[in-house]
Amino acid sequence: MDYGTTLDLTKVSLDNRKLYSYQEAATNNLNKYFNLKNPEKQQNGLLVMPTGSGKTFTVVNWLLENAIPKGYKVIWFAHRKDLIEQAQNAFIHRAPVLLKYNIKEFSIMPISGEHYSMSQASKCDAYICSIQSAASNNGFRFINTMLGAKGREKVVIVIDEAHHAVMHHLEKY
């Protein structure tokens, strides 16, 4: 499967795992904290869960159940190839949940030195990007192209393992 394209959700198997109670509590807290009905108000937050507790699975579920159905685009930053692929796989296996919102297609693209480049990205629903790719000289320009005008109005940015992020490179976004 070419993961840099649009998925036909009617042909992708849904990962039927349920959220554990602590993951549901985290999702409920994300819903209470973030007001996705008002995209003009910039909001920042941090989800903290122990190692191995399913942060990626929890956040991907929240995004697919709450942000994507409301027209939000997602940019997910990670600092390692395995984290990019983990997030990408979580989106692919959980994306069929969007069918209940009458969304039949979902496009996702991994961006890194080993995947697609920033210059190849164009108007997907979700991008899983290496921080190094986004922090390049042309990263900001390509992110604007990736999102399009509508995406710049409604975007959720996730920084996986935020304690590794070099924040001064991301401030311009």
N, C-alpha and C. Protein backbone atom coordinates (compact mmCIF):
# COMPACT_ATOMS: atom_id res chain seq x y z
N MET A 1 0.85 -1.19 0.00
CA MET A 1 0.00 0.00 0.00
C MET A 1 0.89 1.24 0.00
N ASP A 2 0.57 2.18 -0.83
CA ASP A 2 1.29 3.45 -0.87
C ASP A 2 0.65 4.38 0.16
N TYR A 3 1.32 4.60 1.28
CA TYR A 3 0.76 5.37 2.38
C TYR A 3 0.75 6.86 2.11
N GLY A 4 1.34 7.31 1.02
CA GLY A 4 1.36 8.73 0.73
C GLY A 4 0.19 9.14 -0.15
N THR A 5 -0.87 8.38 -0.13
CA THR A 5 -2.01 8.68 -0.97
C THR A 5 -3.30 8.63 -0.15
N THR A 6 -4.39 8.74 -0.85
CA THR A 6 -5.70 8.70 -0.21
C THR A 6 -6.15 7.26 -0.01
N LEU A 7 -6.62 6.97 1.19
CA LEU A 7 -7.13 5.64 1.51
C LEU A 7 -8.63 5.60 1.28
N ASP A 8 -9.10 4.55 0.64
CA ASP A 8 -10.53 4.29 0.52
C ASP A 8 -10.92 3.57 1.81
N LEU A 9 -11.59 4.25 2.70
CA LEU A 9 -11.87 3.71 4.03
C LEU A 9 -12.82 2.52 4.01
N THR A 10 -13.54 2.35 2.92
CA THR A 10 -14.42 1.19 2.83
C THR A 10 -13.61 -0.09 2.54
N LYS A 11 -12.32 0.07 2.22
CA LYS A 11 -11.49 -1.09 1.89
C LYS A 11 -10.35 -1.31 2.87
N VAL A 12 -10.32 -0.54 3.96
CA VAL A 12 -9.27 -0.68 4.96
C VAL A 12 -9.91 -1.27 6.22
N SER A 13 -9.28 -2.27 6.79
CA SER A 13 -9.81 -2.90 8.00
C SER A 13 -9.60 -2.00 9.21
N LEU A 14 -10.63 -1.89 10.02
CA LEU A 14 -10.58 -1.09 11.23
C LEU A 14 -9.93 -1.89 12.35
N ASP A 15 -9.00 -1.28 13.03
CA ASP A 15 -8.43 -1.83 14.25
C ASP A 15 -9.49 -1.62 15.33
N ASN A 16 -10.10 -2.68 15.79
CA ASN A 16 -11.24 -2.59 16.71
C ASN A 16 -10.86 -2.49 18.18
N ARG A 17 -9.59 -2.25 18.47
CA ARG A 17 -9.20 -2.11 19.88
C ARG A 17 -9.99 -0.98 20.52
N LYS A 18 -10.38 -1.19 21.74
CA LYS A 18 -11.09 -0.17 22.51
C LYS A 18 -10.08 0.59 23.36
N LEU A 19 -10.43 1.82 23.68
CA LEU A 19 -9.60 2.61 24.59
C LEU A 19 -9.74 2.05 26.00
N TYR A 20 -8.63 2.01 26.72
CA TYR A 20 -8.68 1.69 28.14
C TYR A 20 -9.31 2.87 28.88
N SER A 21 -9.74 2.65 30.09
CA SER A 21 -10.43 3.70 30.84
C SER A 21 -9.56 4.95 31.01
N TYR A 22 -8.25 4.77 31.24
CA TYR A 22 -7.38 5.94 31.39
C TYR A 22 -7.19 6.67 30.06
N GLN A 23 -7.27 5.94 28.93
CA GLN A 23 -7.20 6.59 27.62
C GLN A 23 -8.49 7.35 27.33
N GLU A 24 -9.62 6.77 27.73
CA GLU A 24 -10.90 7.47 27.59
C GLU A 24 -10.90 8.74 28.44
N ALA A 25 -10.35 8.65 29.65
CA ALA A 25 -10.26 9.84 30.52
C ALA A 25 -9.39 10.90 29.86
N ALA A 26 -8.29 10.50 29.25
CA ALA A 26 -7.42 11.46 28.55
C ALA A 26 -8.17 12.11 27.39
N THR A 27 -8.90 11.30 26.64
CA THR A 27 -9.69 11.82 25.51
C THR A 27 -10.75 12.80 26.00
N ASN A 28 -11.43 12.46 27.08
CA ASN A 28 -12.43 13.37 27.64
C ASN A 28 -11.80 14.68 28.09
N ASN A 29 -10.62 14.60 28.67
CA ASN A 29 -9.93 15.82 29.09
C ASN A 29 -9.49 16.65 27.89
N LEU A 30 -9.06 16.00 26.81
CA LEU A 30 -8.73 16.74 25.59
C LEU A 30 -9.97 17.46 25.06
N ASN A 31 -11.11 16.79 25.08
CA ASN A 31 -12.36 17.42 24.63
C ASN A 31 -12.75 18.61 25.50
N LYS A 32 -12.54 18.49 26.80
CA LYS A 32 -12.86 19.60 27.71
C LYS A 32 -11.91 20.78 27.50
N TYR A 33 -10.65 20.47 27.25
CA TYR A 33 -9.64 21.51 27.16
C TYR A 33 -9.67 22.25 25.82
N PHE A 34 -9.74 21.49 24.73
CA PHE A 34 -9.66 22.10 23.41
C PHE A 34 -11.05 22.40 22.87
N ASN A 35 -11.24 23.63 22.43
CA ASN A 35 -12.50 24.05 21.82
C ASN A 35 -12.32 24.04 20.32
N LEU A 36 -12.65 22.93 19.68
CA LEU A 36 -12.48 22.83 18.23
C LEU A 36 -13.60 23.52 17.46
N LYS A 37 -14.58 24.05 18.17
CA LYS A 37 -15.65 24.80 17.50
C LYS A 37 -15.22 26.23 17.20
N ASN A 38 -14.11 26.67 17.78
CA ASN A 38 -13.63 28.03 17.58
C ASN A 38 -12.19 27.97 17.06
N PRO A 39 -12.02 27.73 15.74
CA PRO A 39 -10.66 27.58 15.21
C PRO A 39 -9.83 28.86 15.23
N GLU A 40 -10.46 30.01 15.43
CA GLU A 40 -9.68 31.25 15.46
C GLU A 40 -8.89 31.41 16.74
N LYS A 41 -9.30 30.73 17.78
CA LYS A 41 -8.60 30.84 19.06
C LYS A 41 -7.49 29.79 19.12
N GLN A 42 -6.25 30.27 19.13
CA GLN A 42 -5.11 29.35 19.22
C GLN A 42 -5.05 28.77 20.62
N GLN A 43 -4.87 27.46 20.68
CA GLN A 43 -4.80 26.77 21.96
C GLN A 43 -3.57 25.87 21.98
N ASN A 44 -2.95 25.77 23.14
CA ASN A 44 -1.79 24.91 23.32
C ASN A 44 -2.06 24.00 24.51
N GLY A 45 -1.56 22.79 24.42
CA GLY A 45 -1.73 21.87 25.54
C GLY A 45 -0.70 20.77 25.46
N LEU A 46 -0.64 19.99 26.51
CA LEU A 46 0.32 18.90 26.59
C LEU A 46 -0.38 17.70 27.20
N LEU A 47 -0.32 16.57 26.51
CA LEU A 47 -0.85 15.33 27.05
C LEU A 47 0.32 14.54 27.61
N VAL A 48 0.25 14.20 28.88
CA VAL A 48 1.31 13.45 29.54
C VAL A 48 0.74 12.12 29.99
N MET A 49 1.34 11.05 29.50
CA MET A 49 0.97 9.69 29.89
C MET A 49 2.27 8.89 30.00
N PRO A 50 2.28 7.85 30.82
CA PRO A 50 3.51 7.06 30.99
C PRO A 50 3.94 6.35 29.71
N THR A 51 5.21 6.01 29.65
CA THR A 51 5.74 5.24 28.54
C THR A 51 4.96 3.93 28.41
N GLY A 52 4.58 3.62 27.16
CA GLY A 52 3.88 2.37 26.89
C GLY A 52 2.39 2.38 27.19
N SER A 53 1.85 3.54 27.53
CA SER A 53 0.42 3.62 27.90
C SER A 53 -0.48 3.88 26.70
N GLY A 54 0.08 4.06 25.53
CA GLY A 54 -0.73 4.25 24.33
C GLY A 54 -1.05 5.69 24.01
N LYS A 55 -0.08 6.58 24.17
CA LYS A 55 -0.31 8.00 23.84
C LYS A 55 -0.67 8.17 22.37
N THR A 56 0.10 7.51 21.50
CA THR A 56 -0.15 7.65 20.06
C THR A 56 -1.56 7.18 19.73
N PHE A 57 -1.93 6.00 20.20
CA PHE A 57 -3.26 5.44 19.95
C PHE A 57 -4.35 6.36 20.49
N THR A 58 -4.12 6.91 21.68
CA THR A 58 -5.10 7.81 22.30
C THR A 58 -5.28 9.08 21.49
N VAL A 59 -4.18 9.71 21.11
CA VAL A 59 -4.26 10.98 20.38
C VAL A 59 -4.81 10.77 18.97
N VAL A 60 -4.39 9.70 18.30
CA VAL A 60 -4.93 9.41 16.96
C VAL A 60 -6.44 9.21 17.04
N ASN A 61 -6.90 8.48 18.04
CA ASN A 61 -8.35 8.30 18.21
C ASN A 61 -9.04 9.63 18.43
N TRP A 62 -8.47 10.47 19.27
CA TRP A 62 -9.08 11.77 19.53
C TRP A 62 -9.15 12.61 18.25
N LEU A 63 -8.07 12.62 17.49
CA LEU A 63 -8.05 13.39 16.24
C LEU A 63 -9.09 12.87 15.25
N LEU A 64 -9.18 11.54 15.12
CA LEU A 64 -10.13 10.96 14.15
C LEU A 64 -11.58 11.12 14.60
N GLU A 65 -11.81 11.16 15.88
CA GLU A 65 -13.19 11.30 16.38
C GLU A 65 -13.62 12.75 16.55
N ASN A 66 -12.65 13.67 16.66
CA ASN A 66 -13.00 15.05 17.02
C ASN A 66 -12.52 16.11 16.04
N ALA A 67 -11.29 16.01 15.57
CA ALA A 67 -10.74 17.06 14.72
C ALA A 67 -11.01 16.82 13.23
N ILE A 68 -10.68 15.67 12.73
CA ILE A 68 -10.85 15.39 11.30
C ILE A 68 -12.31 15.54 10.86
N PRO A 69 -13.30 15.01 11.61
CA PRO A 69 -14.69 15.20 11.18
C PRO A 69 -15.14 16.66 11.15
N LYS A 70 -14.43 17.54 11.85
CA LYS A 70 -14.77 18.97 11.86
C LYS A 70 -13.96 19.75 10.82
N GLY A 71 -13.24 19.02 9.95
CA GLY A 71 -12.51 19.68 8.87
C GLY A 71 -11.10 20.12 9.22
N TYR A 72 -10.57 19.69 10.35
CA TYR A 72 -9.21 20.05 10.72
C TYR A 72 -8.20 19.21 9.95
N LYS A 73 -7.08 19.80 9.65
CA LYS A 73 -5.92 19.11 9.12
C LYS A 73 -5.00 18.80 10.30
N VAL A 74 -4.14 17.81 10.14
CA VAL A 74 -3.23 17.42 11.21
C VAL A 74 -1.80 17.44 10.69
N ILE A 75 -0.93 18.07 11.46
CA ILE A 75 0.51 17.94 11.23
C ILE A 75 1.07 17.34 12.51
N TRP A 76 1.67 16.19 12.38
CA TRP A 76 2.23 15.44 13.51
C TRP A 76 3.73 15.46 13.35
N PHE A 77 4.44 16.04 14.28
CA PHE A 77 5.90 16.10 14.23
C PHE A 77 6.49 15.02 15.13
N ALA A 78 7.51 14.36 14.63
CA ALA A 78 8.25 13.36 15.41
C ALA A 78 9.72 13.48 15.06
N HIS A 79 10.56 13.00 15.94
CA HIS A 79 11.99 13.16 15.71
C HIS A 79 12.69 11.88 15.24
N ARG A 80 11.95 10.76 15.15
CA ARG A 80 12.57 9.51 14.70
C ARG A 80 11.68 8.80 13.70
N LYS A 81 12.30 8.06 12.79
CA LYS A 81 11.59 7.31 11.75
C LYS A 81 10.56 6.36 12.36
N ASP A 82 10.92 5.64 13.42
CA ASP A 82 9.99 4.67 14.00
C ASP A 82 8.75 5.36 14.59
N LEU A 83 8.90 6.57 15.12
CA LEU A 83 7.75 7.30 15.64
C LEU A 83 6.86 7.81 14.51
N ILE A 84 7.46 8.19 13.40
CA ILE A 84 6.68 8.60 12.22
C ILE A 84 5.84 7.42 11.74
N GLU A 85 6.47 6.27 11.63
CA GLU A 85 5.76 5.09 11.12
C GLU A 85 4.73 4.57 12.12
N GLN A 86 5.00 4.70 13.42
CA GLN A 86 4.03 4.29 14.43
C GLN A 86 2.76 5.14 14.32
N ALA A 87 2.92 6.45 14.21
CA ALA A 87 1.76 7.34 14.09
C ALA A 87 1.03 7.08 12.78
N GLN A 88 1.78 6.93 11.70
CA GLN A 88 1.17 6.66 10.39
C GLN A 88 0.33 5.39 10.44
N ASN A 89 0.87 4.33 11.01
CA ASN A 89 0.13 3.07 11.09
C ASN A 89 -1.10 3.19 11.97
N ALA A 90 -1.00 3.93 13.06
CA ALA A 90 -2.16 4.13 13.93
C ALA A 90 -3.28 4.84 13.16
N PHE A 91 -2.93 5.88 12.40
CA PHE A 91 -3.94 6.58 11.59
C PHE A 91 -4.55 5.64 10.56
N ILE A 92 -3.73 4.89 9.86
CA ILE A 92 -4.23 4.01 8.80
C ILE A 92 -5.18 2.95 9.37
N HIS A 93 -4.83 2.36 10.49
CA HIS A 93 -5.65 1.28 11.05
C HIS A 93 -6.89 1.77 11.78
N ARG A 94 -6.88 3.02 12.22
CA ARG A 94 -8.05 3.57 12.92
C ARG A 94 -8.91 4.47 12.03
N ALA A 95 -8.39 4.88 10.88
CA ALA A 95 -9.12 5.81 10.00
C ALA A 95 -10.52 5.35 9.60
N PRO A 96 -10.79 4.04 9.45
CA PRO A 96 -12.16 3.66 9.09
C PRO A 96 -13.23 4.09 10.09
N VAL A 97 -12.84 4.53 11.30
CA VAL A 97 -13.81 5.08 12.24
C VAL A 97 -14.48 6.32 11.64
N LEU A 98 -13.83 6.96 10.67
CA LEU A 98 -14.40 8.14 10.01
C LEU A 98 -15.65 7.82 9.19
N LEU A 99 -15.86 6.55 8.86
CA LEU A 99 -17.05 6.17 8.10
C LEU A 99 -18.33 6.55 8.83
N LYS A 100 -18.31 6.52 10.17
CA LYS A 100 -19.51 6.89 10.93
C LYS A 100 -19.82 8.38 10.81
N TYR A 101 -18.86 9.17 10.31
CA TYR A 101 -19.08 10.60 10.04
C TYR A 101 -19.29 10.83 8.55
N ASN A 102 -19.54 9.76 7.82
CA ASN A 102 -19.77 9.79 6.38
C ASN A 102 -18.53 10.30 5.62
N ILE A 103 -17.36 10.05 6.16
CA ILE A 103 -16.10 10.36 5.50
C ILE A 103 -15.56 9.05 4.95
N LYS A 104 -15.44 8.96 3.64
CA LYS A 104 -15.08 7.70 3.00
C LYS A 104 -13.63 7.64 2.53
N GLU A 105 -12.95 8.78 2.59
CA GLU A 105 -11.55 8.82 2.17
C GLU A 105 -10.73 9.57 3.22
N PHE A 106 -9.49 9.15 3.34
CA PHE A 106 -8.58 9.80 4.28
C PHE A 106 -7.20 9.77 3.66
N SER A 107 -6.56 10.93 3.58
CA SER A 107 -5.23 10.99 2.98
C SER A 107 -4.19 11.32 4.04
N ILE A 108 -3.09 10.60 3.97
CA ILE A 108 -2.02 10.75 4.95
C ILE A 108 -0.69 10.63 4.23
N MET A 109 0.31 11.35 4.72
CA MET A 109 1.63 11.31 4.09
C MET A 109 2.72 11.42 5.14
N PRO A 110 3.64 10.44 5.15
CA PRO A 110 4.82 10.56 6.01
C PRO A 110 5.87 11.40 5.30
N ILE A 111 6.51 12.29 6.03
CA ILE A 111 7.51 13.18 5.44
C ILE A 111 8.78 13.10 6.28
N SER A 112 9.84 12.67 5.64
CA SER A 112 11.15 12.60 6.30
C SER A 112 12.20 12.33 5.24
N GLY A 113 13.43 12.20 5.65
CA GLY A 113 14.50 11.86 4.71
C GLY A 113 14.33 10.48 4.12
N GLU A 114 13.53 9.63 4.75
CA GLU A 114 13.31 8.26 4.27
C GLU A 114 11.92 8.04 3.69
N HIS A 115 11.10 9.06 3.66
CA HIS A 115 9.74 8.94 3.14
C HIS A 115 9.58 9.97 2.01
N TYR A 116 8.46 10.65 2.01
CA TYR A 116 8.23 11.73 1.05
C TYR A 116 8.94 12.98 1.54
N SER A 117 9.18 13.91 0.62
CA SER A 117 9.78 15.18 1.02
C SER A 117 8.69 16.22 1.22
N MET A 118 9.03 17.30 1.90
CA MET A 118 8.07 18.38 2.11
C MET A 118 7.56 18.92 0.77
N SER A 119 8.42 18.97 -0.24
CA SER A 119 8.01 19.52 -1.53
C SER A 119 7.01 18.64 -2.26
N GLN A 120 6.89 17.37 -1.88
CA GLN A 120 5.93 16.46 -2.53
C GLN A 120 4.56 16.53 -1.88
N ALA A 121 4.45 17.13 -0.72
CA ALA A 121 3.20 17.13 0.03
C ALA A 121 2.22 18.15 -0.52
N SER A 122 0.96 17.72 -0.61
CA SER A 122 -0.05 18.63 -1.13
C SER A 122 -1.44 18.24 -0.65
N LYS A 123 -1.96 19.00 0.26
CA LYS A 123 -3.36 18.94 0.69
C LYS A 123 -3.87 17.58 1.15
N CYS A 124 -3.12 16.92 2.02
CA CYS A 124 -3.59 15.69 2.66
C CYS A 124 -4.37 16.07 3.93
N ASP A 125 -5.03 15.07 4.50
CA ASP A 125 -5.73 15.29 5.77
C ASP A 125 -4.75 15.30 6.93
N ALA A 126 -3.71 14.46 6.83
CA ALA A 126 -2.73 14.37 7.92
C ALA A 126 -1.34 14.17 7.35
N TYR A 127 -0.39 14.83 7.98
CA TYR A 127 1.03 14.68 7.63
C TYR A 127 1.75 14.25 8.89
N ILE A 128 2.60 13.25 8.74
CA ILE A 128 3.44 12.81 9.85
C ILE A 128 4.86 13.19 9.43
N CYS A 129 5.40 14.22 10.03
CA CYS A 129 6.64 14.85 9.56
C CYS A 129 7.78 14.70 10.55
N SER A 130 8.97 14.53 10.01
CA SER A 130 10.14 14.63 10.88
C SER A 130 10.35 16.10 11.20
N ILE A 131 10.76 16.37 12.41
CA ILE A 131 11.03 17.74 12.81
C ILE A 131 12.14 18.32 11.94
N GLN A 132 13.11 17.49 11.58
CA GLN A 132 14.22 17.95 10.76
C GLN A 132 13.73 18.43 9.39
N SER A 133 12.77 17.73 8.79
CA SER A 133 12.23 18.16 7.49
C SER A 133 11.52 19.49 7.58
N ALA A 134 10.73 19.66 8.64
CA ALA A 134 9.96 20.89 8.80
C ALA A 134 10.85 22.06 9.16
N ALA A 135 11.97 21.79 9.82
CA ALA A 135 12.87 22.87 10.25
C ALA A 135 13.85 23.28 9.14
N SER A 136 13.67 22.72 7.97
CA SER A 136 14.55 23.07 6.85
C SER A 136 14.28 24.51 6.40
N ASN A 137 15.13 25.00 5.53
CA ASN A 137 14.97 26.38 5.03
C ASN A 137 13.63 26.59 4.36
N ASN A 138 13.11 25.58 3.67
CA ASN A 138 11.84 25.73 2.96
C ASN A 138 10.66 25.14 3.71
N GLY A 139 10.88 24.66 4.93
CA GLY A 139 9.82 23.98 5.67
C GLY A 139 8.56 24.81 5.84
N PHE A 140 8.69 26.05 6.24
CA PHE A 140 7.52 26.91 6.45
C PHE A 140 6.73 27.10 5.16
N ARG A 141 7.43 27.36 4.06
CA ARG A 141 6.76 27.54 2.77
C ARG A 141 6.00 26.28 2.37
N PHE A 142 6.63 25.11 2.57
CA PHE A 142 5.97 23.87 2.19
C PHE A 142 4.78 23.55 3.09
N ILE A 143 4.87 23.90 4.37
CA ILE A 143 3.72 23.67 5.26
C ILE A 143 2.53 24.51 4.80
N ASN A 144 2.75 25.73 4.40
CA ASN A 144 1.65 26.55 3.86
C ASN A 144 1.05 25.91 2.62
N THR A 145 1.87 25.36 1.74
CA THR A 145 1.38 24.69 0.54
C THR A 145 0.63 23.42 0.91
N MET A 146 1.17 22.66 1.85
CA MET A 146 0.55 21.40 2.27
C MET A 146 -0.87 21.62 2.79
N LEU A 147 -1.03 22.63 3.59
CA LEU A 147 -2.31 22.86 4.25
C LEU A 147 -3.33 23.54 3.35
N GLY A 148 -2.88 24.43 2.49
CA GLY A 148 -3.82 25.24 1.72
C GLY A 148 -4.46 26.27 2.64
N ALA A 149 -5.22 27.19 2.09
CA ALA A 149 -5.81 28.28 2.87
C ALA A 149 -6.75 27.75 3.95
N LYS A 150 -7.61 26.79 3.60
CA LYS A 150 -8.56 26.25 4.57
C LYS A 150 -7.84 25.54 5.70
N GLY A 151 -6.81 24.79 5.37
CA GLY A 151 -6.05 24.06 6.39
C GLY A 151 -5.33 24.97 7.36
N ARG A 152 -4.91 26.14 6.89
CA ARG A 152 -4.25 27.09 7.80
C ARG A 152 -5.23 27.64 8.82
N GLU A 153 -6.51 27.62 8.49
CA GLU A 153 -7.52 28.10 9.43
C GLU A 153 -7.85 27.04 10.47
N LYS A 154 -7.76 25.77 10.09
CA LYS A 154 -8.14 24.68 10.98
C LYS A 154 -7.07 23.61 10.94
N VAL A 155 -6.12 23.71 11.86
CA VAL A 155 -5.03 22.74 11.91
C VAL A 155 -4.73 22.39 13.37
N VAL A 156 -4.47 21.11 13.59
CA VAL A 156 -3.99 20.65 14.89
C VAL A 156 -2.56 20.18 14.68
N ILE A 157 -1.66 20.73 15.48
CA ILE A 157 -0.25 20.34 15.40
C ILE A 157 0.07 19.51 16.63
N VAL A 158 0.62 18.32 16.38
CA VAL A 158 1.02 17.41 17.45
C VAL A 158 2.54 17.30 17.42
N ILE A 159 3.16 17.42 18.56
CA ILE A 159 4.60 17.23 18.66
C ILE A 159 4.81 16.00 19.54
N ASP A 160 5.13 14.90 18.89
CA ASP A 160 5.37 13.64 19.58
C ASP A 160 6.67 13.74 20.36
N GLU A 161 6.64 13.28 21.59
CA GLU A 161 7.80 13.37 22.47
C GLU A 161 8.34 14.81 22.48
N ALA A 162 7.47 15.71 22.89
CA ALA A 162 7.74 17.15 22.83
C ALA A 162 9.02 17.55 23.55
N HIS A 163 9.46 16.75 24.50
CA HIS A 163 10.69 17.10 25.22
C HIS A 163 11.92 17.03 24.31
N HIS A 164 11.78 16.42 23.12
CA HIS A 164 12.89 16.37 22.16
C HIS A 164 12.82 17.50 21.13
N ALA A 165 11.71 18.20 21.07
CA ALA A 165 11.50 19.21 20.02
C ALA A 165 12.43 20.41 20.23
N VAL A 166 12.91 20.92 19.14
CA VAL A 166 13.69 22.16 19.15
C VAL A 166 12.70 23.27 18.85
N MET A 167 12.17 23.87 19.89
CA MET A 167 11.04 24.77 19.74
C MET A 167 11.34 26.03 18.94
N HIS A 168 12.56 26.52 18.97
CA HIS A 168 12.80 27.76 18.23
C HIS A 168 12.64 27.55 16.73
N HIS A 169 12.77 26.33 16.24
CA HIS A 169 12.55 26.07 14.82
C HIS A 169 11.07 26.04 14.48
N LEU A 170 10.22 25.76 15.44
CA LEU A 170 8.80 25.62 15.18
C LEU A 170 8.01 26.89 15.47
N GLU A 171 8.61 27.87 16.10
CA GLU A 171 7.89 29.08 16.48
C GLU A 171 7.29 29.80 15.29
N LYS A 172 7.91 29.72 14.12
CA LYS A 172 7.40 30.45 12.96
C LYS A 172 6.12 29.84 12.40
N TYR A 173 5.73 28.65 12.85
CA TYR A 173 4.51 28.02 12.37
C TYR A 173 3.35 28.49 13.19
